[in-house]
Amino acid sequence: MTDAPTTACLVEDLVALMRMEPLGDDRFRAQSEDIGTPAVFGGQVLGQSLMAACLTVEPDRPVHSMHAYFLLPGEHAPIDYSVDRVRDGRSFTTRHVLARQSGRIIFEMAASFQTRDRGVEHQLAMPEVPPPEAVPSELSRRLALGDRLPASFRVKGTQPHGIEFRTVEQDDLLAPLPREGGSAVWMRAVAPLPDDPNVHRALLAYASDHGLLRAAMVPHGLSFLTGQVRAASLDHAMWFHRDFRFDDWLLYVIDSPSAGGARGLCRGSVFSRDGRLVASTAQEGMLRVREPRG
């Protein structure tokens, strides 16, 4: 019987996932992980594409926005990334990234970087929620379901991960009641990360895809765990406002302003524990509800 991985090992694996193998001419290769989803996790591709873009930009120009489209489901296999140096301006830098598997383009992203400039300052206030210490982890809640947890989630869905999520709202995981509002999720890496800001930004991009579409299901009492919903991310946008560390607790506040046409629009605000708004997200995804069998 093998020992359970330590938190440090889990985070080392996550950082390694964001590591790019240079192939020359602004092309890179990265590995994939299998978290139990049929296709590769979209957050992985978001984080890796951002890391690839960052490797072609001077470190004094941090990323401030990224806009991406998921074009085809990815396989649990290595992914090749190519970066196009679209523009290097006086203050702004633009990069375009394509992700390929087996010769097919599965994902594309545009990212913008900027020199650190001074300007006006304001931000949305962070909502008052219980601290992360008062909220059980998503993993512990899944484990507590025991045999009630669908078989498809009992292996990958109950394994420790390098990122811990703690959802403030304690909706029933298998039979949530419809309600207004969205969700608030505490999240962080479970062990210290390297001091490279790009790693922290890439891992936040990775984590931002976790649970974002769930906000569109809250008003309808739907759950991913029941298998009643077919969902797929269609696009993902992210804006980085202020510096942060992903090995400190961040609060991810998400909601869904609209759903229709088998699509749901969701948006999120990411706050540091001291209340600074560090990032914003938006995503539209496909949401199809399976009809119950007669």
Protein backbone atom coordinates (compact mmCIF):
# COMPACT_ATOMS: atom_id res chain seq x y z
CA MET A 1 0.00 0.00 0.00
CA THR A 2 1.51 3.35 -1.04
CA ASP A 3 1.54 6.35 1.24
CA ALA A 4 -0.80 9.23 0.46
CA PRO A 5 0.97 12.12 -1.29
CA THR A 6 2.01 15.00 0.94
CA THR A 7 0.60 18.47 0.36
CA ALA A 8 4.03 19.61 -0.82
CA CYS A 9 4.12 16.82 -3.43
CA LEU A 10 0.62 17.70 -4.61
CA VAL A 11 1.64 21.31 -5.18
CA GLU A 12 4.91 20.28 -6.83
CA ASP A 13 2.87 18.22 -9.30
CA LEU A 14 0.62 21.20 -9.96
CA VAL A 15 3.57 23.52 -10.56
CA ALA A 16 5.13 20.90 -12.85
CA LEU A 17 1.90 20.86 -14.82
CA MET A 18 2.43 24.55 -15.58
CA ARG A 19 6.03 23.94 -16.69
CA MET A 20 6.63 24.44 -20.41
CA GLU A 21 9.12 22.41 -22.45
CA PRO A 22 10.65 24.76 -25.06
CA LEU A 23 10.45 23.44 -28.63
CA GLY A 24 11.95 26.51 -30.33
CA ASP A 25 10.36 29.39 -32.27
CA ASP A 26 7.99 30.28 -29.39
CA ARG A 27 6.55 26.77 -29.30
CA PHE A 28 6.15 24.80 -26.10
CA ARG A 29 4.90 21.45 -24.88
CA ALA A 30 3.18 20.68 -21.57
CA GLN A 31 1.84 17.55 -19.95
CA SER A 32 -1.77 16.82 -18.97
CA GLU A 33 -3.44 15.53 -15.84
CA ASP A 34 -6.57 13.42 -15.55
CA ILE A 35 -8.89 14.75 -12.84
CA GLY A 36 -11.68 12.37 -13.79
CA THR A 37 -13.36 14.45 -16.50
CA PRO A 38 -13.95 12.90 -19.95
CA ALA A 39 -11.83 15.60 -21.61
CA VAL A 40 -8.82 17.45 -20.29
CA PHE A 41 -9.78 20.02 -17.63
CA GLY A 42 -10.22 23.43 -19.24
CA GLY A 43 -8.49 25.22 -16.39
CA GLN A 44 -5.31 23.29 -17.14
CA VAL A 45 -5.26 24.61 -20.71
CA LEU A 46 -5.99 28.14 -19.50
CA GLY A 47 -3.08 28.07 -17.07
CA GLN A 48 -0.66 26.46 -19.48
CA SER A 49 -1.48 28.82 -22.35
CA LEU A 50 -0.94 31.78 -20.04
CA MET A 51 2.44 30.39 -18.95
CA ALA A 52 3.43 29.92 -22.59
CA ALA A 53 2.53 33.53 -23.37
CA CYS A 54 4.38 34.81 -20.29
CA LEU A 55 7.58 33.11 -21.45
CA THR A 56 7.67 35.46 -24.45
CA VAL A 57 7.11 38.69 -22.48
CA GLU A 58 9.51 40.64 -20.27
CA PRO A 59 8.76 40.16 -16.54
CA ASP A 60 8.21 43.91 -16.00
CA ARG A 61 4.99 43.59 -18.05
CA PRO A 62 2.53 41.43 -16.09
CA VAL A 63 -0.57 40.06 -17.78
CA HIS A 64 -3.71 42.13 -17.24
CA SER A 65 -6.23 40.25 -19.38
CA MET A 66 -6.80 37.04 -21.30
CA HIS A 67 -9.65 35.96 -23.58
CA ALA A 68 -9.92 32.33 -24.64
CA TYR A 69 -12.10 29.92 -26.62
CA PHE A 70 -12.36 26.18 -26.07
CA LEU A 71 -12.67 24.81 -29.62
CA LEU A 72 -12.45 21.02 -29.23
CA PRO A 73 -12.30 18.65 -26.24
CA GLY A 74 -8.70 17.94 -25.30
CA GLU A 75 -7.28 14.50 -24.60
CA HIS A 76 -5.39 13.42 -21.47
CA ALA A 77 -2.12 13.71 -23.38
CA PRO A 78 0.66 16.27 -23.98
CA ILE A 79 -0.45 19.56 -25.51
CA ASP A 80 1.61 21.77 -27.84
CA TYR A 81 1.35 25.56 -27.55
CA SER A 82 2.48 28.09 -30.15
CA VAL A 83 2.73 31.79 -29.34
CA ASP A 84 2.39 34.59 -31.89
CA ARG A 85 4.04 37.86 -30.85
CA VAL A 86 1.23 40.07 -32.14
CA ARG A 87 2.42 43.40 -30.73
CA ASP A 88 5.15 44.88 -28.54
CA GLY A 89 4.13 48.47 -27.85
CA ARG A 90 5.41 51.19 -25.57
CA SER A 91 3.08 50.16 -22.71
CA PHE A 92 1.13 47.14 -23.93
CA THR A 93 2.14 43.75 -25.31
CA THR A 94 -0.22 41.34 -27.07
CA ARG A 95 0.19 37.60 -27.54
CA HIS A 96 -1.94 35.02 -29.35
CA VAL A 97 -1.68 31.38 -28.26
CA LEU A 98 -2.88 28.23 -30.05
CA ALA A 99 -3.07 24.83 -28.34
CA ARG A 100 -2.82 21.71 -30.51
CA GLN A 101 -3.19 17.97 -30.11
CA SER A 102 -2.75 15.48 -32.96
CA GLY A 103 -2.48 18.38 -35.39
CA ARG A 104 -5.85 19.85 -34.38
CA ILE A 105 -6.32 23.26 -32.76
CA ILE A 106 -8.28 22.64 -29.55
CA PHE A 107 -7.98 26.08 -27.92
CA GLU A 108 -6.99 29.67 -28.65
CA MET A 109 -6.24 32.61 -26.41
CA ALA A 110 -5.31 36.28 -26.69
CA ALA A 111 -3.50 37.85 -23.74
CA SER A 112 -2.50 41.43 -23.06
CA PHE A 113 0.39 42.59 -20.87
CA GLN A 114 1.15 46.08 -19.57
CA THR A 115 3.93 48.01 -17.87
CA ARG A 116 3.15 48.99 -14.28
CA ASP A 117 1.54 52.44 -14.53
CA ARG A 118 -0.15 54.72 -12.00
CA GLY A 119 -3.80 55.77 -12.28
CA VAL A 120 -7.13 56.11 -10.49
CA GLU A 121 -8.08 53.35 -8.06
CA HIS A 122 -11.41 51.84 -7.00
CA GLN A 123 -12.85 48.38 -6.58
CA LEU A 124 -15.92 46.32 -5.72
CA ALA A 125 -16.19 45.57 -2.00
CA MET A 126 -15.71 41.98 -0.87
CA PRO A 127 -18.89 40.46 0.62
CA GLU A 128 -18.93 39.38 4.25
CA VAL A 129 -18.69 35.59 4.45
CA PRO A 130 -17.45 33.09 7.06
CA PRO A 131 -13.65 32.65 7.09
CA PRO A 132 -12.19 29.57 5.38
CA GLU A 133 -11.45 27.94 8.74
CA ALA A 134 -15.20 27.79 9.41
CA VAL A 135 -16.04 26.09 6.09
CA PRO A 136 -15.50 22.37 5.31
CA SER A 137 -13.48 21.47 2.25
CA GLU A 138 -15.17 20.27 -0.92
CA LEU A 139 -13.16 17.04 -0.67
CA SER A 140 -14.35 16.27 2.85
CA ARG A 141 -17.96 16.88 1.82
CA ARG A 142 -17.62 14.44 -1.09
CA LEU A 143 -16.00 11.83 1.14
CA ALA A 144 -18.85 12.23 3.66
CA LEU A 145 -21.32 11.08 1.00
CA GLY A 146 -19.80 7.59 1.09
CA ASP A 147 -21.72 5.16 -1.12
CA ARG A 148 -24.17 7.92 -2.08
CA LEU A 149 -21.46 9.48 -4.24
CA PRO A 150 -21.94 8.35 -7.86
CA ALA A 151 -19.42 5.67 -8.87
CA SER A 152 -17.92 7.88 -11.59
CA PHE A 153 -16.70 10.33 -8.91
CA ARG A 154 -15.44 7.86 -6.30
CA VAL A 155 -11.88 7.61 -7.62
CA LYS A 156 -10.67 10.89 -9.11
CA GLY A 157 -13.33 12.92 -7.31
CA THR A 158 -12.17 11.86 -3.84
CA GLN A 159 -8.40 12.21 -4.25
CA PRO A 160 -6.43 15.03 -2.59
CA HIS A 161 -5.40 17.80 -4.97
CA GLY A 162 -2.87 20.61 -4.94
CA ILE A 163 -5.70 23.17 -4.67
CA GLU A 164 -8.24 23.16 -1.86
CA PHE A 165 -11.75 24.51 -2.39
CA ARG A 166 -14.20 25.41 0.40
CA THR A 167 -17.68 26.46 -0.73
CA VAL A 168 -19.39 28.81 1.73
CA GLU A 169 -22.94 27.78 0.78
CA GLN A 170 -23.67 24.29 2.08
CA ASP A 171 -26.09 23.18 -0.64
CA ASP A 172 -26.85 19.47 -0.78
CA LEU A 173 -24.27 18.09 -3.23
CA LEU A 174 -26.70 15.59 -4.74
CA ALA A 175 -30.06 17.35 -4.37
CA PRO A 176 -29.55 21.12 -4.10
CA LEU A 177 -32.63 23.28 -3.73
CA PRO A 178 -33.15 26.06 -6.28
CA ARG A 179 -32.18 29.42 -4.79
CA GLU A 180 -31.28 32.93 -5.80
CA GLY A 181 -27.76 34.24 -5.75
CA GLY A 182 -24.51 32.58 -6.62
CA SER A 183 -21.72 31.02 -4.60
CA ALA A 184 -18.62 32.02 -2.70
CA VAL A 185 -15.65 29.67 -2.65
CA TRP A 186 -12.44 29.95 -0.65
CA MET A 187 -9.46 28.48 -2.52
CA ARG A 188 -5.68 28.23 -2.27
CA ALA A 189 -2.73 25.98 -3.03
CA VAL A 190 -2.27 23.54 -0.16
CA ALA A 191 1.48 24.24 0.23
CA PRO A 192 3.82 27.17 -0.51
CA LEU A 193 4.37 28.04 -4.17
CA PRO A 194 7.51 29.40 -5.87
CA ASP A 195 7.94 33.17 -5.79
CA ASP A 196 7.34 33.45 -9.55
CA PRO A 197 4.25 35.70 -10.01
CA ASN A 198 3.47 34.03 -13.33
CA VAL A 199 3.02 30.68 -11.57
CA HIS A 200 0.51 32.25 -9.19
CA ARG A 201 -1.41 33.86 -12.07
CA ALA A 202 -1.40 30.65 -14.12
CA LEU A 203 -2.69 28.62 -11.17
CA LEU A 204 -5.42 31.16 -10.49
CA ALA A 205 -6.44 30.84 -14.16
CA TYR A 206 -6.46 27.06 -13.64
CA ALA A 207 -8.63 27.32 -10.51
CA SER A 208 -10.98 29.94 -11.98
CA ASP A 209 -12.49 27.30 -14.28
CA HIS A 210 -13.45 25.15 -11.28
CA GLY A 211 -17.12 25.60 -10.39
CA LEU A 212 -17.70 28.72 -12.45
CA LEU A 213 -20.44 27.13 -14.59
CA ARG A 214 -22.02 25.80 -11.41
CA ALA A 215 -23.34 29.32 -10.79
CA ALA A 216 -25.74 28.86 -13.74
CA MET A 217 -27.19 25.75 -12.12
CA VAL A 218 -27.84 27.22 -8.66
CA PRO A 219 -31.19 28.88 -9.61
CA HIS A 220 -32.42 25.54 -11.00
CA GLY A 221 -31.31 23.14 -8.27
CA LEU A 222 -29.00 21.20 -10.60
CA SER A 223 -25.79 19.38 -9.72
CA PHE A 224 -22.81 18.09 -11.71
CA LEU A 225 -22.57 15.07 -9.39
CA THR A 226 -25.91 13.61 -10.43
CA GLY A 227 -25.02 13.31 -14.10
CA GLN A 228 -28.19 15.16 -15.08
CA VAL A 229 -26.29 18.02 -16.73
CA ARG A 230 -23.99 17.96 -19.75
CA ALA A 231 -21.72 20.96 -19.48
CA ALA A 232 -18.76 22.30 -21.44
CA SER A 233 -16.87 25.58 -21.25
CA LEU A 234 -17.15 27.59 -24.46
CA ASP A 235 -14.99 30.58 -23.63
CA HIS A 236 -13.22 32.16 -20.68
CA ALA A 237 -12.13 35.73 -19.99
CA MET A 238 -10.00 36.90 -17.11
CA TRP A 239 -8.68 40.25 -15.90
CA PHE A 240 -5.86 40.60 -13.37
CA HIS A 241 -6.17 43.74 -11.26
CA ARG A 242 -3.69 43.48 -8.37
CA ASP A 243 -0.85 41.29 -7.16
CA PHE A 244 -1.66 38.26 -5.01
CA ARG A 245 -0.33 34.92 -3.84
CA PHE A 246 -2.25 31.78 -4.63
CA ASP A 247 -0.84 30.00 -1.59
CA ASP A 248 -2.85 32.45 0.55
CA TRP A 249 -6.64 32.14 0.77
CA LEU A 250 -8.59 33.80 -2.05
CA LEU A 251 -12.38 34.21 -2.13
CA TYR A 252 -14.05 33.43 -5.47
CA VAL A 253 -17.52 35.03 -5.64
CA ILE A 254 -19.52 33.82 -8.65
CA ASP A 255 -22.99 34.38 -10.09
CA SER A 256 -24.91 33.86 -13.32
CA PRO A 257 -26.78 36.85 -14.79
CA SER A 258 -28.34 34.87 -17.65
CA ALA A 259 -29.01 31.40 -19.03
CA GLY A 260 -30.81 30.41 -22.22
CA GLY A 261 -30.39 28.59 -25.50
CA ALA A 262 -28.60 25.71 -23.71
CA ARG A 263 -25.93 28.18 -22.56
CA GLY A 264 -25.19 29.83 -19.24
CA LEU A 265 -23.21 33.02 -18.64
CA CYS A 266 -21.26 33.15 -15.39
CA ARG A 267 -18.96 35.75 -13.87
CA GLY A 268 -16.67 35.87 -10.89
CA SER A 269 -14.72 38.21 -8.63
CA VAL A 270 -11.58 37.05 -6.82
CA PHE A 271 -10.63 38.74 -3.56
CA SER A 272 -7.58 38.37 -1.35
CA ARG A 273 -8.35 37.61 2.27
CA ASP A 274 -7.75 41.26 3.22
CA GLY A 275 -10.45 42.38 0.76
CA ARG A 276 -8.50 43.44 -2.32
CA LEU A 277 -10.13 42.61 -5.66
CA VAL A 278 -7.30 40.82 -7.46
CA ALA A 279 -9.04 39.37 -10.53
CA SER A 280 -12.34 39.10 -12.42
CA THR A 281 -13.64 36.31 -14.65
CA ALA A 282 -16.44 35.64 -17.12
CA GLN A 283 -17.40 32.47 -18.91
CA GLU A 284 -20.17 31.15 -21.12
CA GLY A 285 -20.73 27.42 -21.20
CA MET A 286 -22.99 24.86 -22.78
CA LEU A 287 -25.58 23.48 -20.34
CA ARG A 288 -27.87 20.68 -21.47
CA VAL A 289 -30.21 19.00 -18.98
CA ARG A 290 -30.71 15.32 -19.65
CA GLU A 291 -34.31 14.21 -19.70
CA PRO A 292 -35.11 11.54 -17.08
CA ARG A 293 -35.57 8.06 -18.50
CA GLY A 294 -39.14 6.81 -18.54
